[in-house]
Amino acid sequence: MQDLEKKSTISIRIFGSLRQYIEDQGLDPSFEMEIEAKETSALDLAKEIMIPPEKVEAVFRNGRIINIYDPVFPGDRVAFCPYGTPGPYRVFLGMARENEKRKHRERSNTNE
């Protein structure tokens, strides 16, 4: 029996101004795609679907905010949101916290 590489699907939603990148590819802003049957980062997923990571303010995984560098897994529901969420919601939802972590990580990577 052949050893086939396992794949699984992930559900993706794209919001706001990020939709243009998906619609330019002829895709619906809510779609499913196959991914490797292992974890991948939200950053890599954004790049794969041709959304510039610098345009993404928030990533939701299964209804909760995660950092763009955090992993996503087969079966997850992932949503990408652009910058522009009003201030209080950024704090309540955790966007501000994750963006601070992201800035710190990106600064650390450029100093290496």
PDB file of N, CA and C in Angstrom:
ATOM      1  N   MET A   1       0.839  -1.187   0.000  1.00  0.00           N
ATOM      2  CA  MET A   1       0.000   0.000   0.000  1.00  0.00           C
ATOM      3  C   MET A   1       0.877   1.242   0.000  1.00  0.00           C
ATOM      4  N   GLN A   2       0.555   2.153  -0.875  1.00  0.00           N
ATOM      5  CA  GLN A   2       1.333   3.385  -0.982  1.00  0.00           C
ATOM      6  C   GLN A   2       1.164   4.262   0.240  1.00  0.00           C
ATOM      7  N   ASP A   3       2.238   4.933   0.604  1.00  0.00           N
ATOM      8  CA  ASP A   3       2.193   5.851   1.736  1.00  0.00           C
ATOM      9  C   ASP A   3       1.823   7.234   1.206  1.00  0.00           C
ATOM     10  N   LEU A   4       0.538   7.559   1.226  1.00  0.00           N
ATOM     11  CA  LEU A   4       0.069   8.835   0.702  1.00  0.00           C
ATOM     12  C   LEU A   4       0.165   9.901   1.781  1.00  0.00           C
ATOM     13  N   GLU A   5       0.536  11.112   1.375  1.00  0.00           N
ATOM     14  CA  GLU A   5       0.601  12.228   2.305  1.00  0.00           C
ATOM     15  C   GLU A   5      -0.819  12.633   2.679  1.00  0.00           C
ATOM     16  N   LYS A   6      -1.088  12.675   3.973  1.00  0.00           N
ATOM     17  CA  LYS A   6      -2.433  13.003   4.435  1.00  0.00           C
ATOM     18  C   LYS A   6      -2.704  14.490   4.276  1.00  0.00           C
ATOM     19  N   LYS A   7      -3.925  14.778   3.887  1.00  0.00           N
ATOM     20  CA  LYS A   7      -4.374  16.167   3.788  1.00  0.00           C
ATOM     21  C   LYS A   7      -5.719  16.275   4.469  1.00  0.00           C
ATOM     22  N   SER A   8      -6.063  17.485   4.821  1.00  0.00           N
ATOM     23  CA  SER A   8      -7.347  17.740   5.436  1.00  0.00           C
ATOM     24  C   SER A   8      -7.773  19.146   5.043  1.00  0.00           C
ATOM     25  N   THR A   9      -9.005  19.490   5.384  1.00  0.00           N
ATOM     26  CA  THR A   9      -9.496  20.811   5.008  1.00  0.00           C
ATOM     27  C   THR A   9      -9.486  21.766   6.183  1.00  0.00           C
ATOM     28  N   ILE A  10      -9.491  23.011   5.838  1.00  0.00           N
ATOM     29  CA  ILE A  10      -9.574  24.111   6.782  1.00  0.00           C
ATOM     30  C   ILE A  10     -10.592  25.090   6.217  1.00  0.00           C
ATOM     31  N   SER A  11     -11.405  25.662   7.075  1.00  0.00           N
ATOM     32  CA  SER A  11     -12.429  26.617   6.660  1.00  0.00           C
ATOM     33  C   SER A  11     -11.874  28.030   6.850  1.00  0.00           C
ATOM     34  N   ILE A  12     -11.964  28.851   5.823  1.00  0.00           N
ATOM     35  CA  ILE A  12     -11.368  30.191   5.854  1.00  0.00           C
ATOM     36  C   ILE A  12     -12.425  31.238   5.535  1.00  0.00           C
ATOM     37  N   ARG A  13     -12.388  32.322   6.280  1.00  0.00           N
ATOM     38  CA  ARG A  13     -13.233  33.491   6.005  1.00  0.00           C
ATOM     39  C   ARG A  13     -12.344  34.720   5.959  1.00  0.00           C
ATOM     40  N   ILE A  14     -12.675  35.598   5.040  1.00  0.00           N
ATOM     41  CA  ILE A  14     -11.899  36.817   4.846  1.00  0.00           C
ATOM     42  C   ILE A  14     -12.839  37.999   5.014  1.00  0.00           C
ATOM     43  N   PHE A  15     -12.417  38.987   5.795  1.00  0.00           N
ATOM     44  CA  PHE A  15     -13.281  40.124   6.093  1.00  0.00           C
ATOM     45  C   PHE A  15     -12.703  41.444   5.596  1.00  0.00           C
ATOM     46  N   GLY A  16     -13.616  42.407   5.425  1.00  0.00           N
ATOM     47  CA  GLY A  16     -13.263  43.791   5.110  1.00  0.00           C
ATOM     48  C   GLY A  16     -12.440  43.939   3.854  1.00  0.00           C
ATOM     49  N   SER A  17     -11.474  44.840   3.916  1.00  0.00           N
ATOM     50  CA  SER A  17     -10.665  45.173   2.749  1.00  0.00           C
ATOM     51  C   SER A  17      -9.784  44.016   2.282  1.00  0.00           C
ATOM     52  N   LEU A  18      -9.594  42.992   3.109  1.00  0.00           N
ATOM     53  CA  LEU A  18      -8.799  41.832   2.690  1.00  0.00           C
ATOM     54  C   LEU A  18      -9.516  41.013   1.615  1.00  0.00           C
ATOM     55  N   ARG A  19     -10.823  41.206   1.520  1.00  0.00           N
ATOM     56  CA  ARG A  19     -11.605  40.452   0.532  1.00  0.00           C
ATOM     57  C   ARG A  19     -11.112  40.681  -0.893  1.00  0.00           C
ATOM     58  N   GLN A  20     -10.582  41.862  -1.180  1.00  0.00           N
ATOM     59  CA  GLN A  20     -10.137  42.155  -2.547  1.00  0.00           C
ATOM     60  C   GLN A  20      -9.071  41.166  -3.010  1.00  0.00           C
ATOM     61  N   TYR A  21      -8.194  40.737  -2.093  1.00  0.00           N
ATOM     62  CA  TYR A  21      -7.128  39.806  -2.472  1.00  0.00           C
ATOM     63  C   TYR A  21      -7.687  38.441  -2.851  1.00  0.00           C
ATOM     64  N   ILE A  22      -8.760  38.043  -2.202  1.00  0.00           N
ATOM     65  CA  ILE A  22      -9.401  36.761  -2.478  1.00  0.00           C
ATOM     66  C   ILE A  22     -10.269  36.856  -3.728  1.00  0.00           C
ATOM     67  N   GLU A  23     -11.040  37.929  -3.821  1.00  0.00           N
ATOM     68  CA  GLU A  23     -11.916  38.105  -4.983  1.00  0.00           C
ATOM     69  C   GLU A  23     -11.109  38.261  -6.267  1.00  0.00           C
ATOM     70  N   ASP A  24      -9.925  38.873  -6.186  1.00  0.00           N
ATOM     71  CA  ASP A  24      -9.053  38.994  -7.358  1.00  0.00           C
ATOM     72  C   ASP A  24      -8.602  37.627  -7.870  1.00  0.00           C
ATOM     73  N   GLN A  25      -8.648  36.623  -6.997  1.00  0.00           N
ATOM     74  CA  GLN A  25      -8.274  35.261  -7.382  1.00  0.00           C
ATOM     75  C   GLN A  25      -9.495  34.454  -7.838  1.00  0.00           C
ATOM     76  N   GLY A  26     -10.668  35.117  -7.839  1.00  0.00           N
ATOM     77  CA  GLY A  26     -11.888  34.442  -8.242  1.00  0.00           C
ATOM     78  C   GLY A  26     -12.470  33.552  -7.158  1.00  0.00           C
ATOM     79  N   LEU A  27     -12.052  33.778  -5.916  1.00  0.00           N
ATOM     80  CA  LEU A  27     -12.559  32.974  -4.798  1.00  0.00           C
ATOM     81  C   LEU A  27     -13.612  33.737  -4.018  1.00  0.00           C
ATOM     82  N   ASP A  28     -14.471  32.997  -3.368  1.00  0.00           N
ATOM     83  CA  ASP A  28     -15.465  33.551  -2.466  1.00  0.00           C
ATOM     84  C   ASP A  28     -14.757  33.883  -1.147  1.00  0.00           C
ATOM     85  N   PRO A  29     -15.174  34.924  -0.413  1.00  0.00           N
ATOM     86  CA  PRO A  29     -14.512  35.259   0.843  1.00  0.00           C
ATOM     87  C   PRO A  29     -14.746  34.247   1.969  1.00  0.00           C
ATOM     88  N   SER A  30     -15.515  33.230   1.703  1.00  0.00           N
ATOM     89  CA  SER A  30     -15.711  32.134   2.648  1.00  0.00           C
ATOM     90  C   SER A  30     -15.512  30.841   1.857  1.00  0.00           C
ATOM     91  N   PHE A  31     -14.447  30.114   2.168  1.00  0.00           N
ATOM     92  CA  PHE A  31     -14.141  28.920   1.389  1.00  0.00           C
ATOM     93  C   PHE A  31     -13.398  27.896   2.237  1.00  0.00           C
ATOM     94  N   GLU A  32     -13.288  26.719   1.704  1.00  0.00           N
ATOM     95  CA  GLU A  32     -12.502  25.664   2.331  1.00  0.00           C
ATOM     96  C   GLU A  32     -11.354  25.324   1.405  1.00  0.00           C
ATOM     97  N   MET A  33     -10.243  24.936   2.016  1.00  0.00           N
ATOM     98  CA  MET A  33      -9.106  24.510   1.207  1.00  0.00           C
ATOM     99  C   MET A  33      -8.409  23.356   1.896  1.00  0.00           C
ATOM    100  N   GLU A  34      -7.718  22.567   1.108  1.00  0.00           N
ATOM    101  CA  GLU A  34      -6.946  21.464   1.662  1.00  0.00           C
ATOM    102  C   GLU A  34      -5.608  21.984   2.137  1.00  0.00           C
ATOM    103  N   ILE A  35      -5.184  21.465   3.277  1.00  0.00           N
ATOM    104  CA  ILE A  35      -3.850  21.777   3.782  1.00  0.00           C
ATOM    105  C   ILE A  35      -3.192  20.464   4.176  1.00  0.00           C
ATOM    106  N   GLU A  36      -1.888  20.517   4.370  1.00  0.00           N
ATOM    107  CA  GLU A  36      -1.169  19.344   4.848  1.00  0.00           C
ATOM    108  C   GLU A  36      -1.780  18.912   6.172  1.00  0.00           C
ATOM    109  N   ALA A  37      -1.752  17.644   6.445  1.00  0.00           N
ATOM    110  CA  ALA A  37      -2.341  17.108   7.675  1.00  0.00           C
ATOM    111  C   ALA A  37      -1.385  17.320   8.854  1.00  0.00           C
ATOM    112  N   LYS A  38      -0.938  18.540   9.014  1.00  0.00           N
ATOM    113  CA  LYS A  38      -0.095  18.927  10.140  1.00  0.00           C
ATOM    114  C   LYS A  38      -0.339  20.399  10.374  1.00  0.00           C
ATOM    115  N   GLU A  39       0.223  20.910  11.426  1.00  0.00           N
ATOM    116  CA  GLU A  39       0.014  22.327  11.705  1.00  0.00           C
ATOM    117  C   GLU A  39       0.785  23.197  10.721  1.00  0.00           C
ATOM    118  N   THR A  40       0.261  24.391  10.519  1.00  0.00           N
ATOM    119  CA  THR A  40       0.934  25.423   9.747  1.00  0.00           C
ATOM    120  C   THR A  40       0.629  26.730  10.460  1.00  0.00           C
ATOM    121  N   SER A  41       1.413  27.743  10.253  1.00  0.00           N
ATOM    122  CA  SER A  41       1.129  29.012  10.931  1.00  0.00           C
ATOM    123  C   SER A  41       0.076  29.799  10.154  1.00  0.00           C
ATOM    124  N   ALA A  42      -0.620  30.660  10.868  1.00  0.00           N
ATOM    125  CA  ALA A  42      -1.590  31.539  10.209  1.00  0.00           C
ATOM    126  C   ALA A  42      -0.862  32.438   9.206  1.00  0.00           C
ATOM    127  N   LEU A  43       0.370  32.811   9.516  1.00  0.00           N
ATOM    128  CA  LEU A  43       1.188  33.616   8.602  1.00  0.00           C
ATOM    129  C   LEU A  43       1.392  32.881   7.279  1.00  0.00           C
ATOM    130  N   ASP A  44       1.792  31.615   7.362  1.00  0.00           N
ATOM    131  CA  ASP A  44       2.007  30.833   6.141  1.00  0.00           C
ATOM    132  C   ASP A  44       0.709  30.645   5.358  1.00  0.00           C
ATOM    133  N   LEU A  45      -0.384  30.478   6.080  1.00  0.00           N
ATOM    134  CA  LEU A  45      -1.687  30.331   5.428  1.00  0.00           C
ATOM    135  C   LEU A  45      -2.061  31.616   4.691  1.00  0.00           C
ATOM    136  N   ALA A  46      -1.848  32.777   5.332  1.00  0.00           N
ATOM    137  CA  ALA A  46      -2.144  34.058   4.677  1.00  0.00           C
ATOM    138  C   ALA A  46      -1.327  34.205   3.394  1.00  0.00           C
ATOM    139  N   LYS A  47      -0.039  33.865   3.478  1.00  0.00           N
ATOM    140  CA  LYS A  47       0.813  33.956   2.285  1.00  0.00           C
ATOM    141  C   LYS A  47       0.334  33.010   1.188  1.00  0.00           C
ATOM    142  N   GLU A  48      -0.077  31.802   1.588  1.00  0.00           N
ATOM    143  CA  GLU A  48      -0.527  30.816   0.609  1.00  0.00           C
ATOM    144  C   GLU A  48      -1.771  31.277  -0.142  1.00  0.00           C
ATOM    145  N   ILE A  49      -2.657  31.994   0.546  1.00  0.00           N
ATOM    146  CA  ILE A  49      -3.866  32.480  -0.129  1.00  0.00           C
ATOM    147  C   ILE A  49      -3.683  33.906  -0.637  1.00  0.00           C
ATOM    148  N   MET A  50      -2.432  34.360  -0.640  1.00  0.00           N
ATOM    149  CA  MET A  50      -2.007  35.636  -1.219  1.00  0.00           C
ATOM    150  C   MET A  50      -2.622  36.861  -0.560  1.00  0.00           C
ATOM    151  N   ILE A  51      -2.689  36.822   0.765  1.00  0.00           N
ATOM    152  CA  ILE A  51      -3.080  37.995   1.542  1.00  0.00           C
ATOM    153  C   ILE A  51      -1.808  38.536   2.179  1.00  0.00           C
ATOM    154  N   PRO A  52      -1.453  39.791   1.915  1.00  0.00           N
ATOM    155  CA  PRO A  52      -0.236  40.339   2.512  1.00  0.00           C
ATOM    156  C   PRO A  52      -0.339  40.353   4.047  1.00  0.00           C
ATOM    157  N   PRO A  53       0.553  39.668   4.744  1.00  0.00           N
ATOM    158  CA  PRO A  53       0.481  39.603   6.208  1.00  0.00           C
ATOM    159  C   PRO A  53       0.457  40.967   6.886  1.00  0.00           C
ATOM    160  N   GLU A  54       1.110  41.941   6.295  1.00  0.00           N
ATOM    161  CA  GLU A  54       1.147  43.279   6.902  1.00  0.00           C
ATOM    162  C   GLU A  54      -0.216  43.976   6.865  1.00  0.00           C
ATOM    163  N   LYS A  55      -1.138  43.449   6.084  1.00  0.00           N
ATOM    164  CA  LYS A  55      -2.501  43.999   6.011  1.00  0.00           C
ATOM    165  C   LYS A  55      -3.453  43.333   7.015  1.00  0.00           C
ATOM    166  N   VAL A  56      -2.999  42.262   7.674  1.00  0.00           N
ATOM    167  CA  VAL A  56      -3.831  41.504   8.610  1.00  0.00           C
ATOM    168  C   VAL A  56      -3.623  42.025  10.025  1.00  0.00           C
ATOM    169  N   GLU A  57      -4.708  42.497  10.651  1.00  0.00           N
ATOM    170  CA  GLU A  57      -4.606  42.918  12.052  1.00  0.00           C
ATOM    171  C   GLU A  57      -4.925  41.769  12.987  1.00  0.00           C
ATOM    172  N   ALA A  58      -5.871  40.933  12.615  1.00  0.00           N
ATOM    173  CA  ALA A  58      -6.304  39.881  13.530  1.00  0.00           C
ATOM    174  C   ALA A  58      -6.573  38.580  12.792  1.00  0.00           C
ATOM    175  N   VAL A  59      -6.273  37.503  13.490  1.00  0.00           N
ATOM    176  CA  VAL A  59      -6.582  36.165  13.011  1.00  0.00           C
ATOM    177  C   VAL A  59      -7.423  35.492  14.094  1.00  0.00           C
ATOM    178  N   PHE A  60      -8.538  34.944  13.684  1.00  0.00           N
ATOM    179  CA  PHE A  60      -9.375  34.164  14.592  1.00  0.00           C
ATOM    180  C   PHE A  60      -9.200  32.688  14.237  1.00  0.00           C
ATOM    181  N   ARG A  61      -9.035  31.855  15.242  1.00  0.00           N
ATOM    182  CA  ARG A  61      -9.021  30.409  15.046  1.00  0.00           C
ATOM    183  C   ARG A  61     -10.114  29.830  15.926  1.00  0.00           C
ATOM    184  N   ASN A  62     -11.104  29.235  15.297  1.00  0.00           N
ATOM    185  CA  ASN A  62     -12.228  28.637  16.021  1.00  0.00           C
ATOM    186  C   ASN A  62     -12.877  29.631  16.985  1.00  0.00           C
ATOM    187  N   GLY A  63     -13.016  30.885  16.530  1.00  0.00           N
ATOM    188  CA  GLY A  63     -13.724  31.908  17.290  1.00  0.00           C
ATOM    189  C   GLY A  63     -12.895  32.676  18.299  1.00  0.00           C
ATOM    190  N   ARG A  64     -11.601  32.392  18.397  1.00  0.00           N
ATOM    191  CA  ARG A  64     -10.743  33.098  19.354  1.00  0.00           C
ATOM    192  C   ARG A  64      -9.560  33.742  18.630  1.00  0.00           C
ATOM    193  N   ILE A  65      -9.180  34.902  19.125  1.00  0.00           N
ATOM    194  CA  ILE A  65      -8.030  35.614  18.550  1.00  0.00           C
ATOM    195  C   ILE A  65      -6.754  34.821  18.793  1.00  0.00           C
ATOM    196  N   ILE A  66      -5.928  34.712  17.754  1.00  0.00           N
ATOM    197  CA  ILE A  66      -4.596  34.133  17.892  1.00  0.00           C
ATOM    198  C   ILE A  66      -3.599  35.083  17.246  1.00  0.00           C
ATOM    199  N   ASN A  67      -2.354  34.849  17.498  1.00  0.00           N
ATOM    200  CA  ASN A  67      -1.280  35.608  16.865  1.00  0.00           C
ATOM    201  C   ASN A  67      -1.075  35.060  15.456  1.00  0.00           C
ATOM    202  N   ILE A  68      -0.682  35.897  14.536  1.00  0.00           N
ATOM    203  CA  ILE A  68      -0.479  35.452  13.152  1.00  0.00           C
ATOM    204  C   ILE A  68       0.608  34.381  13.059  1.00  0.00           C
ATOM    205  N   TYR A  69       1.492  34.303  14.059  1.00  0.00           N
ATOM    206  CA  TYR A  69       2.550  33.294  14.071  1.00  0.00           C
ATOM    207  C   TYR A  69       2.105  31.982  14.721  1.00  0.00           C
ATOM    208  N   ASP A  70       0.911  31.963  15.310  1.00  0.00           N
ATOM    209  CA  ASP A  70       0.409  30.762  15.968  1.00  0.00           C
ATOM    210  C   ASP A  70      -0.023  29.717  14.935  1.00  0.00           C
ATOM    211  N   PRO A  71      -0.032  28.454  15.343  1.00  0.00           N
ATOM    212  CA  PRO A  71      -0.412  27.391  14.407  1.00  0.00           C
ATOM    213  C   PRO A  71      -1.917  27.295  14.187  1.00  0.00           C
ATOM    214  N   VAL A  72      -2.259  26.804  13.017  1.00  0.00           N
ATOM    215  CA  VAL A  72      -3.628  26.396  12.699  1.00  0.00           C
ATOM    216  C   VAL A  72      -3.533  24.945  12.253  1.00  0.00           C
ATOM    217  N   PHE A  73      -4.627  24.223  12.441  1.00  0.00           N
ATOM    218  CA  PHE A  73      -4.612  22.792  12.215  1.00  0.00           C
ATOM    219  C   PHE A  73      -5.740  22.376  11.279  1.00  0.00           C
ATOM    220  N   PRO A  74      -5.611  21.219  10.639  1.00  0.00           N
ATOM    221  CA  PRO A  74      -6.718  20.710   9.829  1.00  0.00           C
ATOM    222  C   PRO A  74      -7.995  20.665  10.667  1.00  0.00           C
ATOM    223  N   GLY A  75      -9.097  21.078  10.057  1.00  0.00           N
ATOM    224  CA  GLY A  75     -10.382  21.097  10.745  1.00  0.00           C
ATOM    225  C   GLY A  75     -10.706  22.425  11.402  1.00  0.00           C
ATOM    226  N   ASP A  76      -9.708  23.319  11.536  1.00  0.00           N
ATOM    227  CA  ASP A  76      -9.947  24.625  12.155  1.00  0.00           C
ATOM    228  C   ASP A  76     -10.764  25.531  11.255  1.00  0.00           C
ATOM    229  N   ARG A  77     -11.419  26.497  11.890  1.00  0.00           N
ATOM    230  CA  ARG A  77     -12.077  27.601  11.189  1.00  0.00           C
ATOM    231  C   ARG A  77     -11.200  28.830  11.428  1.00  0.00           C
ATOM    232  N   VAL A  78     -10.725  29.444  10.367  1.00  0.00           N
ATOM    233  CA  VAL A  78      -9.786  30.564  10.462  1.00  0.00           C
ATOM    234  C   VAL A  78     -10.379  31.770   9.749  1.00  0.00           C
ATOM    235  N   ALA A  79     -10.266  32.939  10.394  1.00  0.00           N
ATOM    236  CA  ALA A  79     -10.740  34.184   9.780  1.00  0.00           C
ATOM    237  C   ALA A  79      -9.634  35.226   9.852  1.00  0.00           C
ATOM    238  N   PHE A  80      -9.478  35.964   8.766  1.00  0.00           N
ATOM    239  CA  PHE A  80      -8.496  37.042   8.688  1.00  0.00           C
ATOM    240  C   PHE A  80      -9.231  38.375   8.647  1.00  0.00           C
ATOM    241  N   CYS A  81      -8.827  39.310   9.513  1.00  0.00           N
ATOM    242  CA  CYS A  81      -9.458  40.628   9.597  1.00  0.00           C
ATOM    243  C   CYS A  81      -8.422  41.712   9.330  1.00  0.00           C
ATOM    244  N   PRO A  82      -8.804  42.761   8.603  1.00  0.00           N
ATOM    245  CA  PRO A  82      -7.882  43.852   8.319  1.00  0.00           C
ATOM    246  C   PRO A  82      -7.802  44.830   9.487  1.00  0.00           C
ATOM    247  N   TYR A  83      -6.884  45.769   9.379  1.00  0.00           N
ATOM    248  CA  TYR A  83      -6.816  46.863  10.353  1.00  0.00           C
ATOM    249  C   TYR A  83      -8.073  47.711  10.223  1.00  0.00           C
ATOM    250  N   GLY A  84      -8.475  48.325  11.320  1.00  0.00           N
ATOM    251  CA  GLY A  84      -9.625  49.226  11.284  1.00  0.00           C
ATOM    252  C   GLY A  84     -10.689  48.915  12.313  1.00  0.00           C
ATOM    253  N   THR A  85     -10.462  47.921  13.147  1.00  0.00           N
ATOM    254  CA  THR A  85     -11.430  47.608  14.195  1.00  0.00           C
ATOM    255  C   THR A  85     -11.375  48.721  15.238  1.00  0.00           C
ATOM    256  N   PRO A  86     -12.526  49.235  15.697  1.00  0.00           N
ATOM    257  CA  PRO A  86     -12.531  50.304  16.700  1.00  0.00           C
ATOM    258  C   PRO A  86     -11.790  49.914  17.979  1.00  0.00           C
ATOM    259  N   GLY A  87     -11.156  50.895  18.610  1.00  0.00           N
ATOM    260  CA  GLY A  87     -10.303  50.724  19.779  1.00  0.00           C
ATOM    261  C   GLY A  87     -10.793  49.800  20.872  1.00  0.00           C
ATOM    262  N   PRO A  88     -11.972  50.034  21.462  1.00  0.00           N
ATOM    263  CA  PRO A  88     -12.397  49.168  22.569  1.00  0.00           C
ATOM    264  C   PRO A  88     -12.519  47.701  22.169  1.00  0.00           C
ATOM    265  N   TYR A  89     -12.970  47.439  20.959  1.00  0.00           N
ATOM    266  CA  TYR A  89     -13.110  46.057  20.511  1.00  0.00           C
ATOM    267  C   TYR A  89     -11.752  45.399  20.335  1.00  0.00           C
ATOM    268  N   ARG A  90     -10.758  46.174  19.924  1.00  0.00           N
ATOM    269  CA  ARG A  90      -9.402  45.642  19.772  1.00  0.00           C
ATOM    270  C   ARG A  90      -8.892  45.110  21.107  1.00  0.00           C
ATOM    271  N   VAL A  91      -9.244  45.813  22.199  1.00  0.00           N
ATOM    272  CA  VAL A  91      -8.816  45.386  23.533  1.00  0.00           C
ATOM    273  C   VAL A  91      -9.660  44.207  24.005  1.00  0.00           C
ATOM    274  N   PHE A  92     -10.984  44.338  23.931  1.00  0.00           N
ATOM    275  CA  PHE A  92     -11.880  43.284  24.419  1.00  0.00           C
ATOM    276  C   PHE A  92     -11.666  41.956  23.695  1.00  0.00           C
ATOM    277  N   LEU A  93     -11.435  41.995  22.411  1.00  0.00           N
ATOM    278  CA  LEU A  93     -11.262  40.774  21.641  1.00  0.00           C
ATOM    279  C   LEU A  93      -9.855  40.187  21.746  1.00  0.00           C
ATOM    280  N   GLY A  94      -8.909  40.986  22.214  1.00  0.00           N
ATOM    281  CA  GLY A  94      -7.539  40.504  22.342  1.00  0.00           C
ATOM    282  C   GLY A  94      -6.641  40.887  21.186  1.00  0.00           C
ATOM    283  N   MET A  95      -7.144  41.689  20.251  1.00  0.00           N
ATOM    284  CA  MET A  95      -6.332  42.086  19.099  1.00  0.00           C
ATOM    285  C   MET A  95      -5.109  42.893  19.526  1.00  0.00           C
ATOM    286  N   ALA A  96      -5.312  43.825  20.447  1.00  0.00           N
ATOM    287  CA  ALA A  96      -4.206  44.681  20.888  1.00  0.00           C
ATOM    288  C   ALA A  96      -3.100  43.829  21.514  1.00  0.00           C
ATOM    289  N   ARG A  97      -3.479  42.877  22.356  1.00  0.00           N
ATOM    290  CA  ARG A  97      -2.511  41.986  23.018  1.00  0.00           C
ATOM    291  C   ARG A  97      -1.709  41.201  21.984  1.00  0.00           C
ATOM    292  N   GLU A  98      -2.390  40.575  21.036  1.00  0.00           N
ATOM    293  CA  GLU A  98      -1.700  39.759  20.037  1.00  0.00           C
ATOM    294  C   GLU A  98      -0.841  40.599  19.105  1.00  0.00           C
ATOM    295  N   ASN A  99      -1.267  41.829  18.817  1.00  0.00           N
ATOM    296  CA  ASN A  99      -0.454  42.691  17.971  1.00  0.00           C
ATOM    297  C   ASN A  99       0.815  43.146  18.687  1.00  0.00           C
ATOM    298  N   GLU A 100       0.749  43.318  19.996  1.00  0.00           N
ATOM    299  CA  GLU A 100       1.963  43.639  20.762  1.00  0.00           C
ATOM    300  C   GLU A 100       2.933  42.459  20.721  1.00  0.00           C
ATOM    301  N   LYS A 101       2.431  41.251  20.885  1.00  0.00           N
ATOM    302  CA  LYS A 101       3.270  40.052  20.792  1.00  0.00           C
ATOM    303  C   LYS A 101       3.895  39.950  19.399  1.00  0.00           C
ATOM    304  N   ARG A 102       3.079  40.254  18.389  1.00  0.00           N
ATOM    305  CA  ARG A 102       3.560  40.184  17.004  1.00  0.00           C
ATOM    306  C   ARG A 102       4.681  41.189  16.777  1.00  0.00           C
ATOM    307  N   LYS A 103       4.483  42.437  17.237  1.00  0.00           N
ATOM    308  CA  LYS A 103       5.525  43.464  17.077  1.00  0.00           C
ATOM    309  C   LYS A 103       6.817  43.045  17.763  1.00  0.00           C
ATOM    310  N   HIS A 104       6.694  42.518  18.970  1.00  0.00           N
ATOM    311  CA  HIS A 104       7.868  42.085  19.720  1.00  0.00           C
ATOM    312  C   HIS A 104       8.606  40.976  18.966  1.00  0.00           C
ATOM    313  N   ARG A 105       7.869  40.015  18.453  1.00  0.00           N
ATOM    314  CA  ARG A 105       8.486  38.917  17.722  1.00  0.00           C
ATOM    315  C   ARG A 105       9.161  39.415  16.447  1.00  0.00           C
ATOM    316  N   GLU A 106       8.503  40.319  15.729  1.00  0.00           N
ATOM    317  CA  GLU A 106       9.076  40.834  14.482  1.00  0.00           C
ATOM    318  C   GLU A 106      10.320  41.683  14.756  1.00  0.00           C
ATOM    319  N   ARG A 107      10.300  42.451  15.859  1.00  0.00           N
ATOM    320  CA  ARG A 107      11.504  43.219  16.241  1.00  0.00           C
ATOM    321  C   ARG A 107      12.647  42.278  16.579  1.00  0.00           C
ATOM    322  N   SER A 108      12.347  41.209  17.299  1.00  0.00           N
ATOM    323  CA  SER A 108      13.372  40.225  17.674  1.00  0.00           C
ATOM    324  C   SER A 108      13.969  39.564  16.435  1.00  0.00           C
ATOM    325  N   ASN A 109      13.122  39.255  15.455  1.00  0.00           N
ATOM    326  CA  ASN A 109      13.602  38.620  14.231  1.00  0.00           C
ATOM    327  C   ASN A 109      14.483  39.539  13.406  1.00  0.00           C
ATOM    328  N   THR A 110      14.222  40.842  13.418  1.00  0.00           N
ATOM    329  CA  THR A 110      15.051  41.766  12.640  1.00  0.00           C
ATOM    330  C   THR A 110      16.364  42.073  13.339  1.00  0.00           C
ATOM    331  N   ASN A 111      16.446  41.847  14.636  1.00  0.00           N
ATOM    332  CA  ASN A 111      17.679  42.106  15.389  1.00  0.00           C
ATOM    333  C   ASN A 111      18.638  40.923  15.372  1.00  0.00           C
ATOM    334  N   GLU A 112      18.242  39.803  14.791  1.00  0.00           N
ATOM    335  CA  GLU A 112      19.100  38.617  14.780  1.00  0.00           C
ATOM    336  C   GLU A 112      20.122  38.681  13.670  1.00  0.00           C
TER     337      GLU A 112
END
